[in-house]
């Protein structure tokens, strides 16, 4: 059985290289696009509309949403698409 002795300098170098590689992996695998979800009050402020108007947009299907618990969430990209008329 062969035993290798590792010096503190070699251990420090290994640590530095390991951290550098891990950072590059994390940065390379970072999602390029993240979805930003807004709550109803943020959407109302953004569009300058009343709660009733927001409800009408939901009911008519004009503005897609997700309901989680008792809160409604809206995809910011979908709101921007709606504003552009796409």
C-alpha atoms as a PDB file:
ATOM      1  CA  UNK A   1       0.000   0.000   0.000  1.00  0.00           C
ATOM      2  CA  UNK A   2       1.401   3.342  -1.079  1.00  0.00           C
ATOM      3  CA  UNK A   3       0.936   6.364   1.167  1.00  0.00           C
ATOM      4  CA  UNK A   4       1.247   9.888  -0.228  1.00  0.00           C
ATOM      5  CA  UNK A   5       1.858  12.808   2.048  1.00  0.00           C
ATOM      6  CA  UNK A   6      -0.060  15.950   1.179  1.00  0.00           C
ATOM      7  CA  UNK A   7       1.327  19.269   2.249  1.00  0.00           C
ATOM      8  CA  UNK A   8      -0.807  22.178   3.433  1.00  0.00           C
ATOM      9  CA  UNK A   9       0.200  24.108   0.299  1.00  0.00           C
ATOM     10  CA  UNK A  10      -1.032  21.286  -1.960  1.00  0.00           C
ATOM     11  CA  UNK A  11      -4.255  21.052   0.016  1.00  0.00           C
ATOM     12  CA  UNK A  12      -4.801  24.817  -0.292  1.00  0.00           C
ATOM     13  CA  UNK A  13      -4.140  24.645  -4.051  1.00  0.00           C
ATOM     14  CA  UNK A  14      -6.627  21.779  -4.407  1.00  0.00           C
ATOM     15  CA  UNK A  15      -9.230  23.772  -2.481  1.00  0.00           C
ATOM     16  CA  UNK A  16      -8.715  26.839  -4.679  1.00  0.00           C
ATOM     17  CA  UNK A  17      -8.998  24.818  -7.898  1.00  0.00           C
ATOM     18  CA  UNK A  18     -12.047  22.948  -6.605  1.00  0.00           C
ATOM     19  CA  UNK A  19     -13.863  26.182  -5.703  1.00  0.00           C
ATOM     20  CA  UNK A  20     -12.988  27.726  -9.082  1.00  0.00           C
ATOM     21  CA  UNK A  21     -14.382  24.685 -10.937  1.00  0.00           C
ATOM     22  CA  UNK A  22     -17.552  24.624  -8.845  1.00  0.00           C
ATOM     23  CA  UNK A  23     -18.174  28.330  -9.501  1.00  0.00           C
ATOM     24  CA  UNK A  24     -17.748  27.862 -13.243  1.00  0.00           C
ATOM     25  CA  UNK A  25     -20.175  24.920 -13.206  1.00  0.00           C
ATOM     26  CA  UNK A  26     -22.761  26.931 -11.297  1.00  0.00           C
ATOM     27  CA  UNK A  27     -22.404  29.952 -13.585  1.00  0.00           C
ATOM     28  CA  UNK A  28     -22.528  27.821 -16.771  1.00  0.00           C
ATOM     29  CA  UNK A  29     -25.656  25.974 -15.619  1.00  0.00           C
ATOM     30  CA  UNK A  30     -27.520  29.050 -14.411  1.00  0.00           C
ATOM     31  CA  UNK A  31     -30.916  29.363 -16.104  1.00  0.00           C
ATOM     32  CA  UNK A  32     -30.789  32.036 -18.765  1.00  0.00           C
ATOM     33  CA  UNK A  33     -34.359  33.153 -18.213  1.00  0.00           C
ATOM     34  CA  UNK A  34     -36.257  33.292 -14.990  1.00  0.00           C
ATOM     35  CA  UNK A  35     -39.957  33.824 -14.700  1.00  0.00           C
ATOM     36  CA  UNK A  36     -40.976  36.735 -12.577  1.00  0.00           C
ATOM     37  CA  UNK A  37     -44.336  36.323 -10.874  1.00  0.00           C
ATOM     38  CA  UNK A  38     -46.304  39.289  -9.625  1.00  0.00           C
ATOM     39  CA  UNK A  39     -49.115  39.435  -7.080  1.00  0.00           C
ATOM     40  CA  UNK A  40     -52.455  41.081  -7.844  1.00  0.00           C
ATOM     41  CA  UNK A  41     -51.608  44.368  -6.137  1.00  0.00           C
ATOM     42  CA  UNK A  42     -48.377  44.681  -8.140  1.00  0.00           C
ATOM     43  CA  UNK A  43     -50.247  44.020 -11.392  1.00  0.00           C
ATOM     44  CA  UNK A  44     -52.928  46.578 -10.507  1.00  0.00           C
ATOM     45  CA  UNK A  45     -50.274  49.204  -9.808  1.00  0.00           C
ATOM     46  CA  UNK A  46     -48.360  48.303 -12.966  1.00  0.00           C
ATOM     47  CA  UNK A  47     -51.459  48.588 -15.172  1.00  0.00           C
ATOM     48  CA  UNK A  48     -53.154  51.280 -13.088  1.00  0.00           C
ATOM     49  CA  UNK A  49     -56.400  49.303 -12.899  1.00  0.00           C
ATOM     50  CA  UNK A  50     -58.986  48.495 -10.238  1.00  0.00           C
ATOM     51  CA  UNK A  51     -59.454  45.092  -8.583  1.00  0.00           C
ATOM     52  CA  UNK A  52     -62.650  44.613 -10.642  1.00  0.00           C
ATOM     53  CA  UNK A  53     -60.860  45.252 -13.919  1.00  0.00           C
ATOM     54  CA  UNK A  54     -58.151  42.756 -12.960  1.00  0.00           C
ATOM     55  CA  UNK A  55     -60.856  40.201 -12.151  1.00  0.00           C
ATOM     56  CA  UNK A  56     -62.465  40.813 -15.561  1.00  0.00           C
ATOM     57  CA  UNK A  57     -59.111  40.218 -17.261  1.00  0.00           C
ATOM     58  CA  UNK A  58     -58.789  36.916 -15.363  1.00  0.00           C
ATOM     59  CA  UNK A  59     -62.365  35.765 -16.060  1.00  0.00           C
ATOM     60  CA  UNK A  60     -62.150  36.606 -19.772  1.00  0.00           C
ATOM     61  CA  UNK A  61     -58.861  34.709 -20.084  1.00  0.00           C
ATOM     62  CA  UNK A  62     -57.074  37.828 -21.312  1.00  0.00           C
ATOM     63  CA  UNK A  63     -54.562  37.619 -18.493  1.00  0.00           C
ATOM     64  CA  UNK A  64     -53.384  34.120 -17.455  1.00  0.00           C
ATOM     65  CA  UNK A  65     -52.763  33.548 -13.757  1.00  0.00           C
ATOM     66  CA  UNK A  66     -51.911  30.886 -11.211  1.00  0.00           C
ATOM     67  CA  UNK A  67     -53.737  30.562  -7.927  1.00  0.00           C
ATOM     68  CA  UNK A  68     -51.658  29.335  -5.028  1.00  0.00           C
ATOM     69  CA  UNK A  69     -53.550  29.134  -1.795  1.00  0.00           C
ATOM     70  CA  UNK A  70     -55.649  32.271  -1.714  1.00  0.00           C
ATOM     71  CA  UNK A  71     -53.257  34.401  -3.774  1.00  0.00           C
ATOM     72  CA  UNK A  72     -53.217  35.039  -7.505  1.00  0.00           C
ATOM     73  CA  UNK A  73     -49.904  35.251  -9.347  1.00  0.00           C
ATOM     74  CA  UNK A  74     -49.319  36.647 -12.824  1.00  0.00           C
ATOM     75  CA  UNK A  75     -46.402  36.068 -15.167  1.00  0.00           C
ATOM     76  CA  UNK A  76     -44.731  39.413 -15.872  1.00  0.00           C
ATOM     77  CA  UNK A  77     -43.904  38.371 -19.453  1.00  0.00           C
ATOM     78  CA  UNK A  78     -47.574  37.562 -20.115  1.00  0.00           C
ATOM     79  CA  UNK A  79     -48.586  41.008 -18.853  1.00  0.00           C
ATOM     80  CA  UNK A  80     -46.053  42.644 -21.157  1.00  0.00           C
ATOM     81  CA  UNK A  81     -47.342  40.564 -24.103  1.00  0.00           C
ATOM     82  CA  UNK A  82     -50.889  41.637 -23.315  1.00  0.00           C
ATOM     83  CA  UNK A  83     -49.816  45.268 -23.204  1.00  0.00           C
ATOM     84  CA  UNK A  84     -48.158  44.949 -26.631  1.00  0.00           C
ATOM     85  CA  UNK A  85     -51.275  43.259 -28.036  1.00  0.00           C
ATOM     86  CA  UNK A  86     -49.534  40.008 -28.941  1.00  0.00           C
END
